[in-house]
Amino acid sequence: MKYRSVFDIIGPVMIGPSSSHTAGAARIGRAARRLFGRKPDRVLVTLYGSFAKTYRGHGTDIALIGGVLDFDTFDKRIVKSLEIAREQGIRVEFRESEEVPEHPNTVRLRLEDGRGAMEVVGVSIGGGKMEIVELNGFELKMTGNSPTLLVPHQDRYGAIAAVAGVLARHRINIGYMQVSRKEKGSEALMIIETDQPVEQEVLDEIAAQPGIEGATLFA
């Protein structure tokens, strides 16, 4: 990958010890929390590769849960995140997988409550950066560096054009777009990074389009 500044190499302001195993992990946890949209009752954490072997020593466990609690990388409460989660009634379980992942710093987070559940897979790619590479079984690539729209929809003609049309009417430029589907004609997901902020009225207009099942902004 290309680095734009020295801070991409040394990492962000953070609670240590490792930008990959701590700061990147915290950002994965925080991304999961924001995608879920609320405090979960239960968090199942499955760790792979290097994460599975070193997560206790490198603080990956407290960083992930700190992120789920919506703490930023420099929030001192991260060191007590497991205790805080217990105090808030959140049940946390860690599992170590022997599967060999594509990236050594990989984690699967399942967040649950009485309203439903969500699974995300994230990887920590170095310098405190992360990518979400799977959401509820859909493959994607999401960094959170730009406003990102997640648009679940039915895989049918006109759905993508309808969403692009709404963004065009509001003079919002698409910087990156990916469409993932489970099978032809079934559930699908658009991932759209934009160059401009996206207001709630735009989300509502997108969600009202035929075949569109909702619109969530991750920013």
C-alpha atoms as a PDB file:
ATOM      1  CA  MET A   1       0.000   0.000   0.000  1.00  0.00           C
ATOM      2  CA  LYS A   2       1.041   3.633  -0.493  1.00  0.00           C
ATOM      3  CA  TYR A   3       1.676   5.951   2.470  1.00  0.00           C
ATOM      4  CA  ARG A   4       0.726   9.604   2.197  1.00  0.00           C
ATOM      5  CA  SER A   5       2.556  10.812   5.308  1.00  0.00           C
ATOM      6  CA  VAL A   6       4.800   9.681   8.137  1.00  0.00           C
ATOM      7  CA  PHE A   7       1.684   9.336  10.325  1.00  0.00           C
ATOM      8  CA  ASP A   8       0.497   6.492   8.082  1.00  0.00           C
ATOM      9  CA  ILE A   9       3.605   4.613   9.211  1.00  0.00           C
ATOM     10  CA  ILE A  10       3.908   5.491  12.904  1.00  0.00           C
ATOM     11  CA  GLY A  11       0.170   5.356  13.475  1.00  0.00           C
ATOM     12  CA  PRO A  12      -2.364   7.579  15.226  1.00  0.00           C
ATOM     13  CA  VAL A  13      -2.525   9.018  18.728  1.00  0.00           C
ATOM     14  CA  MET A  14      -3.513   5.943  20.675  1.00  0.00           C
ATOM     15  CA  ILE A  15      -3.446   3.807  23.771  1.00  0.00           C
ATOM     16  CA  GLY A  16      -0.590   1.360  22.982  1.00  0.00           C
ATOM     17  CA  PRO A  17       1.246  -0.822  22.445  1.00  0.00           C
ATOM     18  CA  SER A  18       0.716  -1.526  18.732  1.00  0.00           C
ATOM     19  CA  SER A  19      -0.836   0.477  15.914  1.00  0.00           C
ATOM     20  CA  SER A  20      -1.852  -2.729  14.129  1.00  0.00           C
ATOM     21  CA  HIS A  21      -2.970  -4.798  17.106  1.00  0.00           C
ATOM     22  CA  THR A  22      -4.400  -1.980  19.225  1.00  0.00           C
ATOM     23  CA  ALA A  23      -5.339   1.140  17.251  1.00  0.00           C
ATOM     24  CA  GLY A  24      -6.444  -0.798  14.160  1.00  0.00           C
ATOM     25  CA  ALA A  25      -8.415  -3.182  16.354  1.00  0.00           C
ATOM     26  CA  ALA A  26     -10.129  -0.316  18.162  1.00  0.00           C
ATOM     27  CA  ARG A  27     -11.172   1.164  14.843  1.00  0.00           C
ATOM     28  CA  ILE A  28     -12.601  -2.161  13.693  1.00  0.00           C
ATOM     29  CA  GLY A  29     -14.623  -2.406  16.894  1.00  0.00           C
ATOM     30  CA  ARG A  30     -15.839   1.158  16.557  1.00  0.00           C
ATOM     31  CA  ALA A  31     -16.821   0.604  12.918  1.00  0.00           C
ATOM     32  CA  ALA A  32     -18.838  -2.447  13.983  1.00  0.00           C
ATOM     33  CA  ARG A  33     -20.605  -0.429  16.682  1.00  0.00           C
ATOM     34  CA  ARG A  34     -21.533   2.329  14.250  1.00  0.00           C
ATOM     35  CA  LEU A  35     -22.772  -0.112  11.651  1.00  0.00           C
ATOM     36  CA  PHE A  36     -24.878  -1.853  14.311  1.00  0.00           C
ATOM     37  CA  GLY A  37     -26.171   1.542  15.392  1.00  0.00           C
ATOM     38  CA  ARG A  38     -26.667   0.853  19.088  1.00  0.00           C
ATOM     39  CA  LYS A  39     -25.158  -0.811  22.154  1.00  0.00           C
ATOM     40  CA  PRO A  40     -25.201  -4.610  21.800  1.00  0.00           C
ATOM     41  CA  ASP A  41     -26.167  -7.058  24.537  1.00  0.00           C
ATOM     42  CA  ARG A  42     -23.628  -9.644  23.405  1.00  0.00           C
ATOM     43  CA  VAL A  43     -20.384  -9.551  21.433  1.00  0.00           C
ATOM     44  CA  LEU A  44     -18.783 -12.681  20.014  1.00  0.00           C
ATOM     45  CA  VAL A  45     -15.186 -12.086  18.905  1.00  0.00           C
ATOM     46  CA  THR A  46     -13.450 -14.636  16.682  1.00  0.00           C
ATOM     47  CA  LEU A  47      -9.751 -13.957  16.145  1.00  0.00           C
ATOM     48  CA  TYR A  48      -7.593 -15.288  13.336  1.00  0.00           C
ATOM     49  CA  GLY A  49      -3.893 -15.457  12.508  1.00  0.00           C
ATOM     50  CA  SER A  50      -1.628 -13.122  14.452  1.00  0.00           C
ATOM     51  CA  PHE A  51      -4.604 -11.644  16.300  1.00  0.00           C
ATOM     52  CA  ALA A  52      -5.476 -15.088  17.691  1.00  0.00           C
ATOM     53  CA  LYS A  53      -1.935 -15.734  18.884  1.00  0.00           C
ATOM     54  CA  THR A  54      -1.111 -12.391  20.500  1.00  0.00           C
ATOM     55  CA  TYR A  55      -4.373 -10.621  21.317  1.00  0.00           C
ATOM     56  CA  ARG A  56      -3.994 -10.703  25.089  1.00  0.00           C
ATOM     57  CA  GLY A  57      -0.395  -9.534  25.165  1.00  0.00           C
ATOM     58  CA  HIS A  58      -0.932  -6.766  22.605  1.00  0.00           C
ATOM     59  CA  GLY A  59      -4.198  -5.522  24.065  1.00  0.00           C
ATOM     60  CA  THR A  60      -6.228  -6.427  20.995  1.00  0.00           C
ATOM     61  CA  ASP A  61      -9.039  -7.729  23.202  1.00  0.00           C
ATOM     62  CA  ILE A  62      -9.483  -4.494  25.151  1.00  0.00           C
ATOM     63  CA  ALA A  63      -9.059  -2.428  21.980  1.00  0.00           C
ATOM     64  CA  LEU A  64     -11.791  -4.289  20.097  1.00  0.00           C
ATOM     65  CA  ILE A  65     -14.254  -3.987  22.963  1.00  0.00           C
ATOM     66  CA  GLY A  66     -13.242  -0.383  23.545  1.00  0.00           C
ATOM     67  CA  GLY A  67     -14.181   0.264  19.940  1.00  0.00           C
ATOM     68  CA  VAL A  68     -17.508  -1.523  20.387  1.00  0.00           C
ATOM     69  CA  LEU A  69     -18.109   0.832  23.329  1.00  0.00           C
ATOM     70  CA  ASP A  70     -17.470   3.682  20.833  1.00  0.00           C
ATOM     71  CA  PHE A  71     -14.156   4.750  22.401  1.00  0.00           C
ATOM     72  CA  ASP A  72     -11.615   6.405  20.095  1.00  0.00           C
ATOM     73  CA  THR A  73      -8.029   5.109  19.816  1.00  0.00           C
ATOM     74  CA  PHE A  74      -6.712   7.641  22.361  1.00  0.00           C
ATOM     75  CA  ASP A  75      -9.502   7.181  24.939  1.00  0.00           C
ATOM     76  CA  LYS A  76      -7.927   6.102  28.239  1.00  0.00           C
ATOM     77  CA  ARG A  77     -11.050   4.103  29.098  1.00  0.00           C
ATOM     78  CA  ILE A  78      -9.932   1.477  26.568  1.00  0.00           C
ATOM     79  CA  VAL A  79      -7.673  -0.132  29.175  1.00  0.00           C
ATOM     80  CA  LYS A  80     -10.774  -0.890  31.287  1.00  0.00           C
ATOM     81  CA  SER A  81     -13.104  -1.664  28.402  1.00  0.00           C
ATOM     82  CA  LEU A  82     -13.785  -5.266  29.429  1.00  0.00           C
ATOM     83  CA  GLU A  83     -14.802  -4.113  32.912  1.00  0.00           C
ATOM     84  CA  ILE A  84     -16.937  -1.309  31.490  1.00  0.00           C
ATOM     85  CA  ALA A  85     -18.657  -3.740  29.123  1.00  0.00           C
ATOM     86  CA  ARG A  86     -19.533  -5.999  32.047  1.00  0.00           C
ATOM     87  CA  GLU A  87     -20.860  -3.045  34.023  1.00  0.00           C
ATOM     88  CA  GLN A  88     -23.075  -2.138  31.060  1.00  0.00           C
ATOM     89  CA  GLY A  89     -24.441  -5.665  30.865  1.00  0.00           C
ATOM     90  CA  ILE A  90     -22.641  -6.587  27.637  1.00  0.00           C
ATOM     91  CA  ARG A  91     -21.603 -10.245  27.468  1.00  0.00           C
ATOM     92  CA  VAL A  92     -18.282 -10.699  25.668  1.00  0.00           C
ATOM     93  CA  GLU A  93     -16.831 -13.970  24.401  1.00  0.00           C
ATOM     94  CA  PHE A  94     -13.480 -14.468  22.656  1.00  0.00           C
ATOM     95  CA  ARG A  95     -12.719 -17.406  20.377  1.00  0.00           C
ATOM     96  CA  GLU A  96      -9.410 -18.292  18.724  1.00  0.00           C
ATOM     97  CA  SER A  97      -9.715 -19.788  15.242  1.00  0.00           C
ATOM     98  CA  GLU A  98      -7.111 -22.009  13.612  1.00  0.00           C
ATOM     99  CA  GLU A  99      -8.303 -21.063  10.124  1.00  0.00           C
ATOM    100  CA  VAL A 100      -5.629 -19.351   8.049  1.00  0.00           C
ATOM    101  CA  PRO A 101      -6.949 -15.934   6.953  1.00  0.00           C
ATOM    102  CA  GLU A 102      -5.921 -13.932   3.896  1.00  0.00           C
ATOM    103  CA  HIS A 103      -4.608 -11.242   6.274  1.00  0.00           C
ATOM    104  CA  PRO A 104      -2.886 -12.153   9.572  1.00  0.00           C
ATOM    105  CA  ASN A 105      -4.698  -9.457  11.586  1.00  0.00           C
ATOM    106  CA  THR A 106      -8.280 -10.552  11.023  1.00  0.00           C
ATOM    107  CA  VAL A 107     -11.263 -10.558  13.363  1.00  0.00           C
ATOM    108  CA  ARG A 108     -14.943 -11.439  13.051  1.00  0.00           C
ATOM    109  CA  LEU A 109     -17.318  -9.542  15.340  1.00  0.00           C
ATOM    110  CA  ARG A 110     -20.900 -10.617  15.933  1.00  0.00           C
ATOM    111  CA  LEU A 111     -23.024  -8.032  17.741  1.00  0.00           C
ATOM    112  CA  GLU A 112     -26.428  -9.070  19.079  1.00  0.00           C
ATOM    113  CA  ASP A 113     -29.376  -7.688  20.986  1.00  0.00           C
ATOM    114  CA  GLY A 114     -33.115  -8.286  21.199  1.00  0.00           C
ATOM    115  CA  ARG A 115     -33.664  -6.488  17.895  1.00  0.00           C
ATOM    116  CA  GLY A 116     -31.266  -8.526  15.800  1.00  0.00           C
ATOM    117  CA  ALA A 117     -27.674  -9.409  15.018  1.00  0.00           C
ATOM    118  CA  MET A 118     -24.883  -8.276  12.720  1.00  0.00           C
ATOM    119  CA  GLU A 119     -21.549  -9.799  11.712  1.00  0.00           C
ATOM    120  CA  VAL A 120     -18.566  -7.919  10.355  1.00  0.00           C
ATOM    121  CA  VAL A 121     -15.086  -9.076   9.419  1.00  0.00           C
ATOM    122  CA  GLY A 122     -12.303  -6.536   9.744  1.00  0.00           C
ATOM    123  CA  VAL A 123      -8.579  -6.499   9.090  1.00  0.00           C
ATOM    124  CA  SER A 124      -5.957  -4.224  10.611  1.00  0.00           C
ATOM    125  CA  ILE A 125      -3.622  -3.267   7.762  1.00  0.00           C
ATOM    126  CA  GLY A 126      -0.948  -1.293   9.636  1.00  0.00           C
ATOM    127  CA  GLY A 127      -0.417   2.211  10.942  1.00  0.00           C
ATOM    128  CA  GLY A 128      -3.705   2.118  12.800  1.00  0.00           C
ATOM    129  CA  LYS A 129      -5.641   1.686   9.565  1.00  0.00           C
ATOM    130  CA  MET A 130      -8.338  -0.923   9.043  1.00  0.00           C
ATOM    131  CA  GLU A 131     -10.740  -2.277   6.455  1.00  0.00           C
ATOM    132  CA  ILE A 132     -14.123  -3.892   6.877  1.00  0.00           C
ATOM    133  CA  VAL A 133     -14.107  -6.722   4.328  1.00  0.00           C
ATOM    134  CA  GLU A 134     -17.388  -8.476   5.073  1.00  0.00           C
ATOM    135  CA  LEU A 135     -20.793  -7.419   6.400  1.00  0.00           C
ATOM    136  CA  ASN A 136     -23.496 -10.028   7.056  1.00  0.00           C
ATOM    137  CA  GLY A 137     -22.024 -12.307   4.428  1.00  0.00           C
ATOM    138  CA  PHE A 138     -21.506  -9.606   1.788  1.00  0.00           C
ATOM    139  CA  GLU A 139     -17.944  -9.033   0.629  1.00  0.00           C
ATOM    140  CA  LEU A 140     -16.890  -5.388   0.603  1.00  0.00           C
ATOM    141  CA  LYS A 141     -13.984  -3.048   1.160  1.00  0.00           C
ATOM    142  CA  MET A 142     -14.721  -0.201   3.520  1.00  0.00           C
ATOM    143  CA  THR A 143     -12.166   1.987   5.285  1.00  0.00           C
ATOM    144  CA  GLY A 144     -14.339   4.721   6.783  1.00  0.00           C
ATOM    145  CA  ASN A 145     -11.962   7.371   5.418  1.00  0.00           C
ATOM    146  CA  SER A 146     -14.777   8.931   3.358  1.00  0.00           C
ATOM    147  CA  PRO A 147     -18.554   9.147   3.863  1.00  0.00           C
ATOM    148  CA  THR A 148     -19.788   5.665   2.955  1.00  0.00           C
ATOM    149  CA  LEU A 149     -23.318   4.662   2.036  1.00  0.00           C
ATOM    150  CA  LEU A 150     -24.522   1.117   2.625  1.00  0.00           C
ATOM    151  CA  VAL A 151     -27.630   0.409   0.562  1.00  0.00           C
ATOM    152  CA  PRO A 152     -29.240  -3.050   0.848  1.00  0.00           C
ATOM    153  CA  HIS A 153     -31.484  -3.795  -2.100  1.00  0.00           C
ATOM    154  CA  GLN A 154     -32.954  -6.446  -4.350  1.00  0.00           C
ATOM    155  CA  ASP A 155     -30.709  -7.475  -7.229  1.00  0.00           C
ATOM    156  CA  ARG A 156     -32.826  -6.075 -10.068  1.00  0.00           C
ATOM    157  CA  TYR A 157     -32.448  -3.737 -13.028  1.00  0.00           C
ATOM    158  CA  GLY A 158     -32.587  -0.015 -12.286  1.00  0.00           C
ATOM    159  CA  ALA A 159     -31.649  -0.178  -8.586  1.00  0.00           C
ATOM    160  CA  ILE A 160     -28.106   1.131  -9.045  1.00  0.00           C
ATOM    161  CA  ALA A 161     -29.232   3.802 -11.520  1.00  0.00           C
ATOM    162  CA  ALA A 162     -31.926   5.004  -9.096  1.00  0.00           C
ATOM    163  CA  VAL A 163     -29.435   5.495  -6.274  1.00  0.00           C
ATOM    164  CA  ALA A 164     -26.887   7.176  -8.552  1.00  0.00           C
ATOM    165  CA  GLY A 165     -29.642   9.474  -9.810  1.00  0.00           C
ATOM    166  CA  VAL A 166     -30.533  10.618  -6.295  1.00  0.00           C
ATOM    167  CA  LEU A 167     -26.892  11.407  -5.552  1.00  0.00           C
ATOM    168  CA  ALA A 168     -26.547  13.282  -8.847  1.00  0.00           C
ATOM    169  CA  ARG A 169     -29.611  15.427  -8.120  1.00  0.00           C
ATOM    170  CA  HIS A 170     -28.035  16.453  -4.832  1.00  0.00           C
ATOM    171  CA  ARG A 171     -24.676  17.124  -6.548  1.00  0.00           C
ATOM    172  CA  ILE A 172     -22.902  14.382  -4.612  1.00  0.00           C
ATOM    173  CA  ASN A 173     -20.023  12.743  -6.460  1.00  0.00           C
ATOM    174  CA  ILE A 174     -19.301   9.018  -6.169  1.00  0.00           C
ATOM    175  CA  GLY A 175     -15.637   8.359  -5.430  1.00  0.00           C
ATOM    176  CA  TYR A 176     -15.868   4.583  -5.170  1.00  0.00           C
ATOM    177  CA  MET A 177     -18.670   2.083  -5.627  1.00  0.00           C
ATOM    178  CA  GLN A 178     -18.972  -1.660  -5.158  1.00  0.00           C
ATOM    179  CA  VAL A 179     -21.974  -3.939  -5.504  1.00  0.00           C
ATOM    180  CA  SER A 180     -22.074  -7.349  -3.838  1.00  0.00           C
ATOM    181  CA  ARG A 181     -24.828  -9.954  -4.101  1.00  0.00           C
ATOM    182  CA  LYS A 182     -25.369 -13.360  -2.566  1.00  0.00           C
ATOM    183  CA  GLU A 183     -26.843 -14.784  -5.762  1.00  0.00           C
ATOM    184  CA  LYS A 184     -28.511 -13.530  -8.925  1.00  0.00           C
ATOM    185  CA  GLY A 185     -31.852 -11.847  -8.269  1.00  0.00           C
ATOM    186  CA  SER A 186     -31.620 -12.028  -4.470  1.00  0.00           C
ATOM    187  CA  GLU A 187     -30.232  -9.812  -1.707  1.00  0.00           C
ATOM    188  CA  ALA A 188     -27.563  -7.340  -2.731  1.00  0.00           C
ATOM    189  CA  LEU A 189     -25.589  -4.510  -1.149  1.00  0.00           C
ATOM    190  CA  MET A 190     -24.209  -1.276  -2.610  1.00  0.00           C
ATOM    191  CA  ILE A 191     -21.187   0.311  -0.948  1.00  0.00           C
ATOM    192  CA  ILE A 192     -20.699   3.893  -2.108  1.00  0.00           C
ATOM    193  CA  GLU A 193     -17.979   6.296  -0.962  1.00  0.00           C
ATOM    194  CA  THR A 194     -18.780   9.940  -1.693  1.00  0.00           C
ATOM    195  CA  ASP A 195     -16.719  13.108  -1.986  1.00  0.00           C
ATOM    196  CA  GLN A 196     -19.335  15.214  -0.181  1.00  0.00           C
ATOM    197  CA  PRO A 197     -21.289  14.753   3.065  1.00  0.00           C
ATOM    198  CA  VAL A 198     -24.638  12.987   2.764  1.00  0.00           C
ATOM    199  CA  GLU A 199     -27.588  14.487   4.655  1.00  0.00           C
ATOM    200  CA  GLN A 200     -30.501  12.556   6.125  1.00  0.00           C
ATOM    201  CA  GLU A 201     -32.893  13.814   3.437  1.00  0.00           C
ATOM    202  CA  VAL A 202     -30.692  12.156   0.803  1.00  0.00           C
ATOM    203  CA  LEU A 203     -30.717   8.877   2.743  1.00  0.00           C
ATOM    204  CA  ASP A 204     -34.510   9.049   3.013  1.00  0.00           C
ATOM    205  CA  GLU A 205     -34.851   9.687  -0.716  1.00  0.00           C
ATOM    206  CA  ILE A 206     -32.582   6.756  -1.547  1.00  0.00           C
ATOM    207  CA  ALA A 207     -34.503   4.453   0.808  1.00  0.00           C
ATOM    208  CA  ALA A 208     -37.767   5.404  -0.938  1.00  0.00           C
ATOM    209  CA  GLN A 209     -36.592   4.165  -4.352  1.00  0.00           C
ATOM    210  CA  PRO A 210     -38.142   0.948  -5.777  1.00  0.00           C
ATOM    211  CA  GLY A 211     -36.276  -2.174  -4.726  1.00  0.00           C
ATOM    212  CA  ILE A 212     -34.200  -0.330  -2.111  1.00  0.00           C
ATOM    213  CA  GLU A 213     -34.480  -1.700   1.419  1.00  0.00           C
ATOM    214  CA  GLY A 214     -32.758   1.101   3.312  1.00  0.00           C
ATOM    215  CA  ALA A 215     -29.768   3.425   3.390  1.00  0.00           C
ATOM    216  CA  THR A 216     -27.205   3.768   6.151  1.00  0.00           C
ATOM    217  CA  LEU A 217     -24.387   6.306   6.310  1.00  0.00           C
ATOM    218  CA  PHE A 218     -21.049   5.300   7.767  1.00  0.00           C
ATOM    219  CA  ALA A 219     -18.872   8.358   8.279  1.00  0.00           C
END
